[in-house]
Amino acid sequence: MDFREHQDRAKKNSRIIWFLYILLLTISSFLIGWTFVVGLNLAEYYQVGYEQYGFWEKFSASNSRAFSEQIQILLSFSAVTFAVQASVTAFGFFKKSDGHKVAAAFNAQLLNEDNANSLEEKQALNIVAEQALAANVPTPTLYLIPEPGINAFAAGKTSKNAVVAITQGALDGFNRAELSGVIAHEIGHIVNQDIKLNIQISAFVFGFTALFFLARFMFYNAMMNRRMDVRAKLIMFAMAAIIAIIGALTVWLGRILQAAMSRQREYLADASAVQFTRYPEGLVQAFEVLEGKDKSTKMENPSSKEYAHAMIFGIGGELFATHPPLADRIARIQNKK
């Protein structure tokens, strides 16, 4: 496997997807600004003195005014919307940046030399130390998730405070070579700064949900304001509906981009695992174990859906699949694709 070629390809695709995220945030902010300015203009044109004009004449005039004499107001509304979404994104980033809290959400047990009782647990600790040394990063903290499904993830903001978590199913279901490949894959996520990127992407999608709160605020404000003219209320309701639709579309597109980004980073982490272990068959054999019908990657913990993109093995449909098919991952490792 030419892992450096695959690393370069995955990094390039990730940069493209990241650019699309920024573009999506910018477009959604501009559309919200446009909705506000045009909506306020329409509300003004529905006052006394404009009865002789039809809706499309008023709508056209509202747009013409917005993009000429009110262009600064339009850009200001857009900038405020961008700032609000960015603030919600920042809140989501800090909320998800502690790897130990993520592990706690899965009821994971901290493993160390003092409490590792079984041979498998001690072996897992040794593998983490070995692969961290091969990758030249600090040894991450290891957590054991009490789940029979086979899975694992890495979390944290930097390599200095990163954690690796594996399920009991992975500990029981893999031999040493297979578990080394899986843990090396997770450490690959740490080396490639995917753990920070995963937080950023989740926070980005979370930031788009701010539009739903804005739409709900406008709807209830119009409904409860008894002094507002009926026609003005209808315009406010329409604005709230448009903002809600924009919010739904951005979240939907954001999740598609999130899944696409995750798939590229999985390829990159696979390539990194080969680089660290120098034994590609270990990870291939782990994938082949999961191709068997008697093994499952499913996790029962409710947090598994929120962090599905961070797992080594994912779930989901074709459009929102956070992980490439195992057959494709095996083919790339074996240099067949």
C-alpha atoms as a PDB file:
ATOM      1  CA  MET A   1       0.000   0.000   0.000  1.00  0.00           C
ATOM      2  CA  ASP A   2       1.330   3.443  -0.921  1.00  0.00           C
ATOM      3  CA  PHE A   3       0.081   5.029   2.301  1.00  0.00           C
ATOM      4  CA  ARG A   4       1.668   8.404   1.589  1.00  0.00           C
ATOM      5  CA  GLU A   5      -0.280   8.686  -1.664  1.00  0.00           C
ATOM      6  CA  HIS A   6      -3.509   7.824   0.156  1.00  0.00           C
ATOM      7  CA  GLN A   7      -2.671  10.325   2.913  1.00  0.00           C
ATOM      8  CA  ASP A   8      -2.164  13.101   0.349  1.00  0.00           C
ATOM      9  CA  ARG A   9      -5.406  12.190  -1.448  1.00  0.00           C
ATOM     10  CA  ALA A  10      -7.468  12.155   1.755  1.00  0.00           C
ATOM     11  CA  LYS A  11      -5.982  15.470   2.943  1.00  0.00           C
ATOM     12  CA  LYS A  12      -6.770  17.133  -0.384  1.00  0.00           C
ATOM     13  CA  ASN A  13     -10.380  15.926  -0.328  1.00  0.00           C
ATOM     14  CA  SER A  14     -10.757  17.066   3.278  1.00  0.00           C
ATOM     15  CA  ARG A  15      -9.609  20.594   2.368  1.00  0.00           C
ATOM     16  CA  ILE A  16     -12.230  20.728  -0.377  1.00  0.00           C
ATOM     17  CA  ILE A  17     -14.988  19.628   2.006  1.00  0.00           C
ATOM     18  CA  TRP A  18     -13.818  22.102   4.661  1.00  0.00           C
ATOM     19  CA  PHE A  19     -14.051  24.913   2.079  1.00  0.00           C
ATOM     20  CA  LEU A  20     -17.623  23.820   1.324  1.00  0.00           C
ATOM     21  CA  TYR A  21     -18.461  24.109   5.035  1.00  0.00           C
ATOM     22  CA  ILE A  22     -17.282  27.725   5.138  1.00  0.00           C
ATOM     23  CA  LEU A  23     -19.149  28.444   1.915  1.00  0.00           C
ATOM     24  CA  LEU A  24     -22.350  26.911   3.328  1.00  0.00           C
ATOM     25  CA  LEU A  25     -22.107  29.045   6.471  1.00  0.00           C
ATOM     26  CA  THR A  26     -21.527  32.202   4.415  1.00  0.00           C
ATOM     27  CA  ILE A  27     -24.427  31.502   2.043  1.00  0.00           C
ATOM     28  CA  SER A  28     -26.855  30.673   4.846  1.00  0.00           C
ATOM     29  CA  SER A  29     -25.894  33.877   6.708  1.00  0.00           C
ATOM     30  CA  PHE A  30     -26.424  35.977   3.578  1.00  0.00           C
ATOM     31  CA  LEU A  31     -29.827  34.361   2.933  1.00  0.00           C
ATOM     32  CA  ILE A  32     -30.929  35.148   6.477  1.00  0.00           C
ATOM     33  CA  GLY A  33     -29.790  38.770   6.050  1.00  0.00           C
ATOM     34  CA  TRP A  34     -31.698  38.968   2.768  1.00  0.00           C
ATOM     35  CA  THR A  35     -34.815  37.511   4.425  1.00  0.00           C
ATOM     36  CA  PHE A  36     -34.700  40.133   7.178  1.00  0.00           C
ATOM     37  CA  VAL A  37     -34.177  43.150   4.925  1.00  0.00           C
ATOM     38  CA  VAL A  38     -36.698  42.129   2.241  1.00  0.00           C
ATOM     39  CA  GLY A  39     -39.197  41.105   4.913  1.00  0.00           C
ATOM     40  CA  LEU A  40     -38.944  44.473   6.670  1.00  0.00           C
ATOM     41  CA  ASN A  41     -39.348  46.266   3.336  1.00  0.00           C
ATOM     42  CA  LEU A  42     -42.455  44.227   2.533  1.00  0.00           C
ATOM     43  CA  ALA A  43     -43.896  45.061   5.945  1.00  0.00           C
ATOM     44  CA  GLU A  44     -43.384  48.747   5.144  1.00  0.00           C
ATOM     45  CA  TYR A  45     -44.979  48.411   1.702  1.00  0.00           C
ATOM     46  CA  TYR A  46     -48.065  46.834   3.215  1.00  0.00           C
ATOM     47  CA  GLN A  47     -48.779  49.997   5.193  1.00  0.00           C
ATOM     48  CA  VAL A  48     -51.301  52.639   4.118  1.00  0.00           C
ATOM     49  CA  GLY A  49     -50.411  54.310   0.815  1.00  0.00           C
ATOM     50  CA  TYR A  50     -49.226  51.270  -1.135  1.00  0.00           C
ATOM     51  CA  GLU A  51     -52.598  49.566  -1.690  1.00  0.00           C
ATOM     52  CA  GLN A  52     -52.458  50.019  -5.457  1.00  0.00           C
ATOM     53  CA  TYR A  53     -49.412  47.759  -5.828  1.00  0.00           C
ATOM     54  CA  GLY A  54     -49.555  43.976  -6.057  1.00  0.00           C
ATOM     55  CA  PHE A  55     -47.380  41.505  -4.148  1.00  0.00           C
ATOM     56  CA  TRP A  56     -44.812  40.941  -6.891  1.00  0.00           C
ATOM     57  CA  GLU A  57     -44.378  44.682  -7.419  1.00  0.00           C
ATOM     58  CA  LYS A  58     -43.784  45.113  -3.694  1.00  0.00           C
ATOM     59  CA  PHE A  59     -41.450  42.110  -3.606  1.00  0.00           C
ATOM     60  CA  SER A  60     -39.442  43.420  -6.572  1.00  0.00           C
ATOM     61  CA  ALA A  61     -39.194  46.874  -5.020  1.00  0.00           C
ATOM     62  CA  SER A  62     -38.095  45.359  -1.700  1.00  0.00           C
ATOM     63  CA  ASN A  63     -35.279  43.458  -3.421  1.00  0.00           C
ATOM     64  CA  SER A  64     -34.210  46.427  -5.504  1.00  0.00           C
ATOM     65  CA  ARG A  65     -34.058  48.593  -2.397  1.00  0.00           C
ATOM     66  CA  ALA A  66     -32.175  45.898  -0.432  1.00  0.00           C
ATOM     67  CA  PHE A  67     -29.407  45.594  -3.037  1.00  0.00           C
ATOM     68  CA  SER A  68     -28.997  49.316  -3.631  1.00  0.00           C
ATOM     69  CA  GLU A  69     -29.611  51.830  -0.877  1.00  0.00           C
ATOM     70  CA  GLN A  70     -29.794  49.168   1.885  1.00  0.00           C
ATOM     71  CA  ILE A  71     -26.805  47.048   0.869  1.00  0.00           C
ATOM     72  CA  GLN A  72     -24.916  47.996   4.055  1.00  0.00           C
ATOM     73  CA  ILE A  73     -27.900  46.988   6.190  1.00  0.00           C
ATOM     74  CA  LEU A  74     -28.132  43.693   4.274  1.00  0.00           C
ATOM     75  CA  LEU A  75     -24.462  42.956   4.859  1.00  0.00           C
ATOM     76  CA  SER A  76     -24.774  43.946   8.523  1.00  0.00           C
ATOM     77  CA  PHE A  77     -27.678  41.544   9.063  1.00  0.00           C
ATOM     78  CA  SER A  78     -25.673  38.827   7.308  1.00  0.00           C
ATOM     79  CA  ALA A  79     -22.600  39.521   9.441  1.00  0.00           C
ATOM     80  CA  VAL A  80     -24.668  39.353  12.641  1.00  0.00           C
ATOM     81  CA  THR A  81     -26.157  36.044  11.536  1.00  0.00           C
ATOM     82  CA  PHE A  82     -22.684  34.736  10.711  1.00  0.00           C
ATOM     83  CA  ALA A  83     -21.464  35.834  14.153  1.00  0.00           C
ATOM     84  CA  VAL A  84     -24.412  34.172  15.903  1.00  0.00           C
ATOM     85  CA  GLN A  85     -23.854  30.885  14.097  1.00  0.00           C
ATOM     86  CA  ALA A  86     -20.106  31.128  14.755  1.00  0.00           C
ATOM     87  CA  SER A  87     -20.785  31.729  18.471  1.00  0.00           C
ATOM     88  CA  VAL A  88     -23.042  28.688  18.679  1.00  0.00           C
ATOM     89  CA  THR A  89     -20.346  26.742  16.831  1.00  0.00           C
ATOM     90  CA  ALA A  90     -17.741  27.881  19.376  1.00  0.00           C
ATOM     91  CA  PHE A  91     -20.030  26.810  22.226  1.00  0.00           C
ATOM     92  CA  GLY A  92     -20.413  23.386  20.623  1.00  0.00           C
ATOM     93  CA  PHE A  93     -16.641  23.135  20.166  1.00  0.00           C
ATOM     94  CA  PHE A  94     -15.864  23.744  23.840  1.00  0.00           C
ATOM     95  CA  LYS A  95     -18.713  21.474  24.894  1.00  0.00           C
ATOM     96  CA  LYS A  96     -17.241  18.514  22.981  1.00  0.00           C
ATOM     97  CA  SER A  97     -13.508  19.225  23.383  1.00  0.00           C
ATOM     98  CA  ASP A  98     -12.845  17.174  26.539  1.00  0.00           C
ATOM     99  CA  GLY A  99     -12.075  13.581  25.534  1.00  0.00           C
ATOM    100  CA  HIS A 100     -12.508  12.339  29.108  1.00  0.00           C
ATOM    101  CA  LYS A 101     -16.062  13.715  29.196  1.00  0.00           C
ATOM    102  CA  VAL A 102     -16.797  12.030  25.874  1.00  0.00           C
ATOM    103  CA  ALA A 103     -15.568   8.729  27.324  1.00  0.00           C
ATOM    104  CA  ALA A 104     -17.690   9.329  30.434  1.00  0.00           C
ATOM    105  CA  ALA A 105     -20.746   9.754  28.196  1.00  0.00           C
ATOM    106  CA  PHE A 106     -20.206   6.122  27.162  1.00  0.00           C
ATOM    107  CA  ASN A 107     -19.838   4.987  30.795  1.00  0.00           C
ATOM    108  CA  ALA A 108     -16.278   3.986  29.917  1.00  0.00           C
ATOM    109  CA  GLN A 109     -13.831   2.716  32.535  1.00  0.00           C
ATOM    110  CA  LEU A 110     -10.351   4.233  32.752  1.00  0.00           C
ATOM    111  CA  LEU A 111      -7.687   1.552  32.213  1.00  0.00           C
ATOM    112  CA  ASN A 112      -4.209   1.840  33.708  1.00  0.00           C
ATOM    113  CA  GLU A 113      -1.517  -0.404  35.145  1.00  0.00           C
ATOM    114  CA  ASP A 114      -3.186  -0.389  38.563  1.00  0.00           C
ATOM    115  CA  ASN A 115      -6.647  -1.623  37.572  1.00  0.00           C
ATOM    116  CA  ALA A 116      -5.943  -3.702  34.449  1.00  0.00           C
ATOM    117  CA  ASN A 117      -6.785  -7.170  35.717  1.00  0.00           C
ATOM    118  CA  SER A 118      -7.097  -9.357  32.647  1.00  0.00           C
ATOM    119  CA  LEU A 119      -4.396 -10.299  30.157  1.00  0.00           C
ATOM    120  CA  GLU A 120      -6.436  -8.635  27.373  1.00  0.00           C
ATOM    121  CA  GLU A 121      -6.598  -5.318  29.246  1.00  0.00           C
ATOM    122  CA  LYS A 122      -2.845  -5.324  29.946  1.00  0.00           C
ATOM    123  CA  GLN A 123      -2.198  -6.205  26.305  1.00  0.00           C
ATOM    124  CA  ALA A 124      -4.350  -3.288  25.163  1.00  0.00           C
ATOM    125  CA  LEU A 125      -2.369  -0.889  27.374  1.00  0.00           C
ATOM    126  CA  ASN A 126       0.888  -2.210  25.903  1.00  0.00           C
ATOM    127  CA  ILE A 127      -0.417  -1.778  22.354  1.00  0.00           C
ATOM    128  CA  VAL A 128      -1.447   1.845  23.008  1.00  0.00           C
ATOM    129  CA  ALA A 129       2.036   2.600  24.380  1.00  0.00           C
ATOM    130  CA  GLU A 130       3.719   0.849  21.426  1.00  0.00           C
ATOM    131  CA  GLN A 131       1.703   2.603  18.738  1.00  0.00           C
ATOM    132  CA  ALA A 132       2.014   6.008  20.425  1.00  0.00           C
ATOM    133  CA  LEU A 133       5.788   5.512  20.432  1.00  0.00           C
ATOM    134  CA  ALA A 134       5.728   4.533  16.747  1.00  0.00           C
ATOM    135  CA  ALA A 135       3.667   7.635  15.968  1.00  0.00           C
ATOM    136  CA  ASN A 136       5.862   9.874  18.172  1.00  0.00           C
ATOM    137  CA  VAL A 137       2.949  11.247  20.220  1.00  0.00           C
ATOM    138  CA  PRO A 138       2.249  11.183  23.972  1.00  0.00           C
ATOM    139  CA  THR A 139       0.611   7.942  25.080  1.00  0.00           C
ATOM    140  CA  PRO A 140      -3.160   8.621  25.121  1.00  0.00           C
ATOM    141  CA  THR A 141      -5.346   7.572  28.026  1.00  0.00           C
ATOM    142  CA  LEU A 142      -7.143   4.295  27.397  1.00  0.00           C
ATOM    143  CA  TYR A 143     -10.813   3.727  28.229  1.00  0.00           C
ATOM    144  CA  LEU A 144     -12.855   0.526  28.052  1.00  0.00           C
ATOM    145  CA  ILE A 145     -16.499   0.878  27.002  1.00  0.00           C
ATOM    146  CA  PRO A 146     -18.817  -1.809  28.452  1.00  0.00           C
ATOM    147  CA  GLU A 147     -20.446  -2.669  25.105  1.00  0.00           C
ATOM    148  CA  PRO A 148     -20.468  -6.017  23.252  1.00  0.00           C
ATOM    149  CA  GLY A 149     -20.416  -4.293  19.847  1.00  0.00           C
ATOM    150  CA  ILE A 150     -16.979  -3.997  18.245  1.00  0.00           C
ATOM    151  CA  ASN A 151     -15.908  -0.364  17.962  1.00  0.00           C
ATOM    152  CA  ALA A 152     -13.390   2.257  19.064  1.00  0.00           C
ATOM    153  CA  PHE A 153     -12.783   5.993  18.893  1.00  0.00           C
ATOM    154  CA  ALA A 154     -10.274   8.704  19.737  1.00  0.00           C
ATOM    155  CA  ALA A 155     -11.313  12.009  21.289  1.00  0.00           C
ATOM    156  CA  GLY A 156      -9.825  15.177  22.735  1.00  0.00           C
ATOM    157  CA  LYS A 157      -8.643  18.550  21.519  1.00  0.00           C
ATOM    158  CA  THR A 158      -4.894  17.904  21.179  1.00  0.00           C
ATOM    159  CA  SER A 159      -2.492  14.968  21.270  1.00  0.00           C
ATOM    160  CA  LYS A 160      -1.496  15.954  24.816  1.00  0.00           C
ATOM    161  CA  ASN A 161      -4.963  15.317  26.249  1.00  0.00           C
ATOM    162  CA  ALA A 162      -6.226  12.703  23.785  1.00  0.00           C
ATOM    163  CA  VAL A 163      -8.003   9.529  24.801  1.00  0.00           C
ATOM    164  CA  VAL A 164      -8.558   6.244  22.995  1.00  0.00           C
ATOM    165  CA  ALA A 165     -11.633   4.204  23.869  1.00  0.00           C
ATOM    166  CA  ILE A 166     -12.326   0.622  22.808  1.00  0.00           C
ATOM    167  CA  THR A 167     -15.363  -1.514  23.479  1.00  0.00           C
ATOM    168  CA  GLN A 168     -15.327  -4.760  25.398  1.00  0.00           C
ATOM    169  CA  GLY A 169     -16.407  -6.379  22.142  1.00  0.00           C
ATOM    170  CA  ALA A 170     -13.244  -5.152  20.411  1.00  0.00           C
ATOM    171  CA  LEU A 171     -11.100  -6.368  23.298  1.00  0.00           C
ATOM    172  CA  ASP A 172     -12.692  -9.820  23.161  1.00  0.00           C
ATOM    173  CA  GLY A 173     -13.147 -10.105  19.390  1.00  0.00           C
ATOM    174  CA  PHE A 174      -9.674  -9.196  18.085  1.00  0.00           C
ATOM    175  CA  ASN A 175      -6.320 -10.902  18.408  1.00  0.00           C
ATOM    176  CA  ARG A 176      -3.191  -8.861  19.120  1.00  0.00           C
ATOM    177  CA  ALA A 177      -2.391  -8.035  15.481  1.00  0.00           C
ATOM    178  CA  GLU A 178      -5.981  -6.980  14.757  1.00  0.00           C
ATOM    179  CA  LEU A 179      -6.256  -4.884  17.918  1.00  0.00           C
ATOM    180  CA  SER A 180      -2.898  -3.257  17.088  1.00  0.00           C
ATOM    181  CA  GLY A 181      -4.282  -2.229  13.702  1.00  0.00           C
ATOM    182  CA  VAL A 182      -7.427  -0.793  15.269  1.00  0.00           C
ATOM    183  CA  ILE A 183      -5.568   1.145  17.974  1.00  0.00           C
ATOM    184  CA  ALA A 184      -2.997   2.374  15.431  1.00  0.00           C
ATOM    185  CA  HIS A 185      -5.929   3.633  13.347  1.00  0.00           C
ATOM    186  CA  GLU A 186      -7.215   5.638  16.318  1.00  0.00           C
ATOM    187  CA  ILE A 187      -3.767   7.031  17.040  1.00  0.00           C
ATOM    188  CA  GLY A 188      -3.641   7.944  13.360  1.00  0.00           C
ATOM    189  CA  HIS A 189      -6.680  10.154  14.015  1.00  0.00           C
ATOM    190  CA  ILE A 190      -4.725  11.828  16.822  1.00  0.00           C
ATOM    191  CA  VAL A 191      -1.599  12.380  14.707  1.00  0.00           C
ATOM    192  CA  ASN A 192      -3.626  13.751  11.786  1.00  0.00           C
ATOM    193  CA  GLN A 193      -5.501  16.083  14.181  1.00  0.00           C
ATOM    194  CA  ASP A 194      -8.775  14.416  13.277  1.00  0.00           C
ATOM    195  CA  ILE A 195      -9.855  14.483  16.913  1.00  0.00           C
ATOM    196  CA  LYS A 196      -9.880  18.279  16.803  1.00  0.00           C
ATOM    197  CA  LEU A 197     -11.397  18.273  13.325  1.00  0.00           C
ATOM    198  CA  ASN A 198     -14.199  15.956  14.483  1.00  0.00           C
ATOM    199  CA  ILE A 199     -15.057  18.422  17.231  1.00  0.00           C
ATOM    200  CA  GLN A 200     -15.011  21.322  14.786  1.00  0.00           C
ATOM    201  CA  ILE A 201     -17.250  19.565  12.277  1.00  0.00           C
ATOM    202  CA  SER A 202     -19.767  18.506  14.940  1.00  0.00           C
ATOM    203  CA  ALA A 203     -19.771  22.051  16.290  1.00  0.00           C
ATOM    204  CA  PHE A 204     -20.242  23.445  12.776  1.00  0.00           C
ATOM    205  CA  VAL A 205     -23.367  21.363  12.200  1.00  0.00           C
ATOM    206  CA  PHE A 206     -24.525  22.296  15.708  1.00  0.00           C
ATOM    207  CA  GLY A 207     -24.033  25.974  14.789  1.00  0.00           C
ATOM    208  CA  PHE A 208     -26.531  25.691  11.949  1.00  0.00           C
ATOM    209  CA  THR A 209     -29.242  24.744  14.461  1.00  0.00           C
ATOM    210  CA  ALA A 210     -29.149  28.358  15.717  1.00  0.00           C
ATOM    211  CA  LEU A 211     -31.381  29.218  12.771  1.00  0.00           C
ATOM    212  CA  PHE A 212     -34.173  27.081  14.235  1.00  0.00           C
ATOM    213  CA  PHE A 213     -34.067  29.066  17.489  1.00  0.00           C
ATOM    214  CA  LEU A 214     -34.174  32.315  15.511  1.00  0.00           C
ATOM    215  CA  ALA A 215     -37.161  31.112  13.479  1.00  0.00           C
ATOM    216  CA  ARG A 216     -39.018  30.022  16.615  1.00  0.00           C
ATOM    217  CA  PHE A 217     -38.292  33.349  18.331  1.00  0.00           C
ATOM    218  CA  MET A 218     -39.689  35.309  15.374  1.00  0.00           C
ATOM    219  CA  PHE A 219     -42.774  33.091  15.129  1.00  0.00           C
ATOM    220  CA  TYR A 220     -43.719  33.409  18.799  1.00  0.00           C
ATOM    221  CA  ASN A 221     -42.888  37.113  18.881  1.00  0.00           C
ATOM    222  CA  ALA A 222     -45.268  37.775  15.981  1.00  0.00           C
ATOM    223  CA  MET A 223     -47.968  35.521  17.409  1.00  0.00           C
ATOM    224  CA  MET A 224     -47.905  37.114  20.887  1.00  0.00           C
ATOM    225  CA  ASN A 225     -47.656  40.759  19.717  1.00  0.00           C
ATOM    226  CA  ARG A 226     -51.228  42.067  19.768  1.00  0.00           C
ATOM    227  CA  ARG A 227     -50.265  45.517  18.487  1.00  0.00           C
ATOM    228  CA  MET A 228     -48.798  44.182  15.261  1.00  0.00           C
ATOM    229  CA  ASP A 229     -50.838  44.536  12.077  1.00  0.00           C
ATOM    230  CA  VAL A 230     -52.238  41.275  10.684  1.00  0.00           C
ATOM    231  CA  ARG A 231     -50.392  41.706   7.385  1.00  0.00           C
ATOM    232  CA  ALA A 232     -47.141  42.414   9.240  1.00  0.00           C
ATOM    233  CA  LYS A 233     -47.715  39.237  11.281  1.00  0.00           C
ATOM    234  CA  LEU A 234     -48.152  37.227   8.116  1.00  0.00           C
ATOM    235  CA  ILE A 235     -44.851  38.598   6.817  1.00  0.00           C
ATOM    236  CA  MET A 236     -43.156  37.702  10.113  1.00  0.00           C
ATOM    237  CA  PHE A 237     -44.584  34.185   9.917  1.00  0.00           C
ATOM    238  CA  ALA A 238     -43.329  33.886   6.345  1.00  0.00           C
ATOM    239  CA  MET A 239     -39.866  35.105   7.399  1.00  0.00           C
ATOM    240  CA  ALA A 240     -39.786  32.588  10.250  1.00  0.00           C
ATOM    241  CA  ALA A 241     -40.782  29.804   7.857  1.00  0.00           C
ATOM    242  CA  ILE A 242     -38.077  30.779   5.347  1.00  0.00           C
ATOM    243  CA  ILE A 243     -35.428  30.893   8.086  1.00  0.00           C
ATOM    244  CA  ALA A 244     -36.559  27.476   9.372  1.00  0.00           C
ATOM    245  CA  ILE A 245     -36.309  26.059   5.837  1.00  0.00           C
ATOM    246  CA  ILE A 246     -32.831  27.547   5.392  1.00  0.00           C
ATOM    247  CA  GLY A 247     -31.878  26.056   8.765  1.00  0.00           C
ATOM    248  CA  ALA A 248     -33.191  22.622   7.793  1.00  0.00           C
ATOM    249  CA  LEU A 249     -31.334  22.716   4.475  1.00  0.00           C
ATOM    250  CA  THR A 250     -28.036  23.830   6.022  1.00  0.00           C
ATOM    251  CA  VAL A 251     -28.198  21.143   8.725  1.00  0.00           C
ATOM    252  CA  TRP A 252     -29.050  18.539   6.083  1.00  0.00           C
ATOM    253  CA  LEU A 253     -26.208  19.651   3.796  1.00  0.00           C
ATOM    254  CA  GLY A 254     -23.925  19.996   6.809  1.00  0.00           C
ATOM    255  CA  ARG A 255     -24.518  16.373   7.794  1.00  0.00           C
ATOM    256  CA  ILE A 256     -23.773  15.260   4.228  1.00  0.00           C
ATOM    257  CA  LEU A 257     -20.486  17.169   4.336  1.00  0.00           C
ATOM    258  CA  GLN A 258     -19.780  15.822   7.822  1.00  0.00           C
ATOM    259  CA  ALA A 259     -20.212  12.279   6.555  1.00  0.00           C
ATOM    260  CA  ALA A 260     -18.070  12.977   3.483  1.00  0.00           C
ATOM    261  CA  MET A 261     -15.310  14.502   5.603  1.00  0.00           C
ATOM    262  CA  SER A 262     -15.447  11.567   8.013  1.00  0.00           C
ATOM    263  CA  ARG A 263     -15.072   9.055   5.179  1.00  0.00           C
ATOM    264  CA  GLN A 264     -11.942  10.795   3.908  1.00  0.00           C
ATOM    265  CA  ARG A 265     -10.402  10.932   7.382  1.00  0.00           C
ATOM    266  CA  GLU A 266     -11.088   7.212   7.845  1.00  0.00           C
ATOM    267  CA  TYR A 267      -9.049   6.464   4.732  1.00  0.00           C
ATOM    268  CA  LEU A 268      -6.309   8.721   6.083  1.00  0.00           C
ATOM    269  CA  ALA A 269      -6.306   6.996   9.493  1.00  0.00           C
ATOM    270  CA  ASP A 270      -6.183   3.585   7.786  1.00  0.00           C
ATOM    271  CA  ALA A 271      -3.102   4.726   5.879  1.00  0.00           C
ATOM    272  CA  SER A 272      -1.544   6.037   9.091  1.00  0.00           C
ATOM    273  CA  ALA A 273      -2.213   2.721  10.859  1.00  0.00           C
ATOM    274  CA  VAL A 274      -0.245   0.911   8.131  1.00  0.00           C
ATOM    275  CA  GLN A 275       2.568   3.428   8.557  1.00  0.00           C
ATOM    276  CA  PHE A 276       2.769   2.889  12.339  1.00  0.00           C
ATOM    277  CA  THR A 277       2.358  -0.879  12.482  1.00  0.00           C
ATOM    278  CA  ARG A 278       4.181  -1.722   9.235  1.00  0.00           C
ATOM    279  CA  TYR A 279       1.778  -4.641   9.102  1.00  0.00           C
ATOM    280  CA  PRO A 280      -1.236  -3.845   6.901  1.00  0.00           C
ATOM    281  CA  GLU A 281      -2.725  -7.317   7.322  1.00  0.00           C
ATOM    282  CA  GLY A 282      -3.485  -6.604  10.983  1.00  0.00           C
ATOM    283  CA  LEU A 283      -6.042  -3.930  10.107  1.00  0.00           C
ATOM    284  CA  VAL A 284      -7.268  -5.930   7.098  1.00  0.00           C
ATOM    285  CA  GLN A 285      -7.914  -8.944   9.328  1.00  0.00           C
ATOM    286  CA  ALA A 286      -9.813  -6.744  11.787  1.00  0.00           C
ATOM    287  CA  PHE A 287     -12.034  -5.537   8.934  1.00  0.00           C
ATOM    288  CA  GLU A 288     -12.538  -9.098   7.738  1.00  0.00           C
ATOM    289  CA  VAL A 289     -13.658 -10.128  11.224  1.00  0.00           C
ATOM    290  CA  LEU A 290     -16.412  -7.524  10.985  1.00  0.00           C
ATOM    291  CA  GLU A 291     -17.486  -8.706   7.551  1.00  0.00           C
ATOM    292  CA  GLY A 292     -18.689 -11.865   9.264  1.00  0.00           C
ATOM    293  CA  LYS A 293     -22.406 -11.895   9.997  1.00  0.00           C
ATOM    294  CA  ASP A 294     -21.927 -12.926  13.642  1.00  0.00           C
ATOM    295  CA  LYS A 295     -20.096  -9.698  14.558  1.00  0.00           C
ATOM    296  CA  SER A 296     -21.713  -6.301  15.111  1.00  0.00           C
ATOM    297  CA  THR A 297     -20.459  -2.738  15.426  1.00  0.00           C
ATOM    298  CA  LYS A 298     -23.745  -1.540  16.932  1.00  0.00           C
ATOM    299  CA  MET A 299     -23.594   0.332  20.230  1.00  0.00           C
ATOM    300  CA  GLU A 300     -26.550   0.764  22.568  1.00  0.00           C
ATOM    301  CA  ASN A 301     -25.392   3.913  24.345  1.00  0.00           C
ATOM    302  CA  PRO A 302     -27.422   6.964  23.144  1.00  0.00           C
ATOM    303  CA  SER A 303     -24.202   8.971  22.718  1.00  0.00           C
ATOM    304  CA  SER A 304     -23.103   6.623  19.934  1.00  0.00           C
ATOM    305  CA  LYS A 305     -25.321   8.442  17.399  1.00  0.00           C
ATOM    306  CA  GLU A 306     -23.830  11.834  18.205  1.00  0.00           C
ATOM    307  CA  TYR A 307     -20.280  10.493  17.950  1.00  0.00           C
ATOM    308  CA  ALA A 308     -20.849   8.007  15.100  1.00  0.00           C
ATOM    309  CA  HIS A 309     -18.447   9.942  12.864  1.00  0.00           C
ATOM    310  CA  ALA A 310     -15.639   9.470  15.425  1.00  0.00           C
ATOM    311  CA  MET A 311     -15.942   5.666  15.580  1.00  0.00           C
ATOM    312  CA  ILE A 312     -13.684   3.355  13.605  1.00  0.00           C
ATOM    313  CA  PHE A 313     -16.760   1.488  12.366  1.00  0.00           C
ATOM    314  CA  GLY A 314     -19.891   3.466  11.573  1.00  0.00           C
ATOM    315  CA  ILE A 315     -23.566   3.030  10.833  1.00  0.00           C
ATOM    316  CA  GLY A 316     -25.888   4.920   8.497  1.00  0.00           C
ATOM    317  CA  GLY A 317     -27.305   5.073   4.997  1.00  0.00           C
ATOM    318  CA  GLU A 318     -25.367   5.748   1.825  1.00  0.00           C
ATOM    319  CA  LEU A 319     -25.926   9.507   1.905  1.00  0.00           C
ATOM    320  CA  PHE A 320     -25.105   9.995   5.591  1.00  0.00           C
ATOM    321  CA  ALA A 321     -22.650   7.099   5.944  1.00  0.00           C
ATOM    322  CA  THR A 322     -19.773   8.363   8.087  1.00  0.00           C
ATOM    323  CA  HIS A 323     -17.497   5.479   7.079  1.00  0.00           C
ATOM    324  CA  PRO A 324     -16.542   3.939   3.733  1.00  0.00           C
ATOM    325  CA  PRO A 325     -17.556   0.319   3.062  1.00  0.00           C
ATOM    326  CA  LEU A 326     -15.157  -2.177   4.623  1.00  0.00           C
ATOM    327  CA  ALA A 327     -14.481  -3.700   1.208  1.00  0.00           C
ATOM    328  CA  ASP A 328     -13.263  -0.317  -0.103  1.00  0.00           C
ATOM    329  CA  ARG A 329     -11.044   0.215   2.933  1.00  0.00           C
ATOM    330  CA  ILE A 330      -9.509  -3.242   2.526  1.00  0.00           C
ATOM    331  CA  ALA A 331      -8.952  -2.643  -1.198  1.00  0.00           C
ATOM    332  CA  ARG A 332      -7.112   0.624  -0.506  1.00  0.00           C
ATOM    333  CA  ILE A 333      -4.906  -0.959   2.147  1.00  0.00           C
ATOM    334  CA  GLN A 334      -4.041  -3.796  -0.237  1.00  0.00           C
ATOM    335  CA  ASN A 335      -3.390  -1.245  -3.002  1.00  0.00           C
ATOM    336  CA  LYS A 336      -6.207  -2.599  -5.156  1.00  0.00           C
ATOM    337  CA  LYS A 337      -8.059   0.729  -5.443  1.00  0.00           C
END
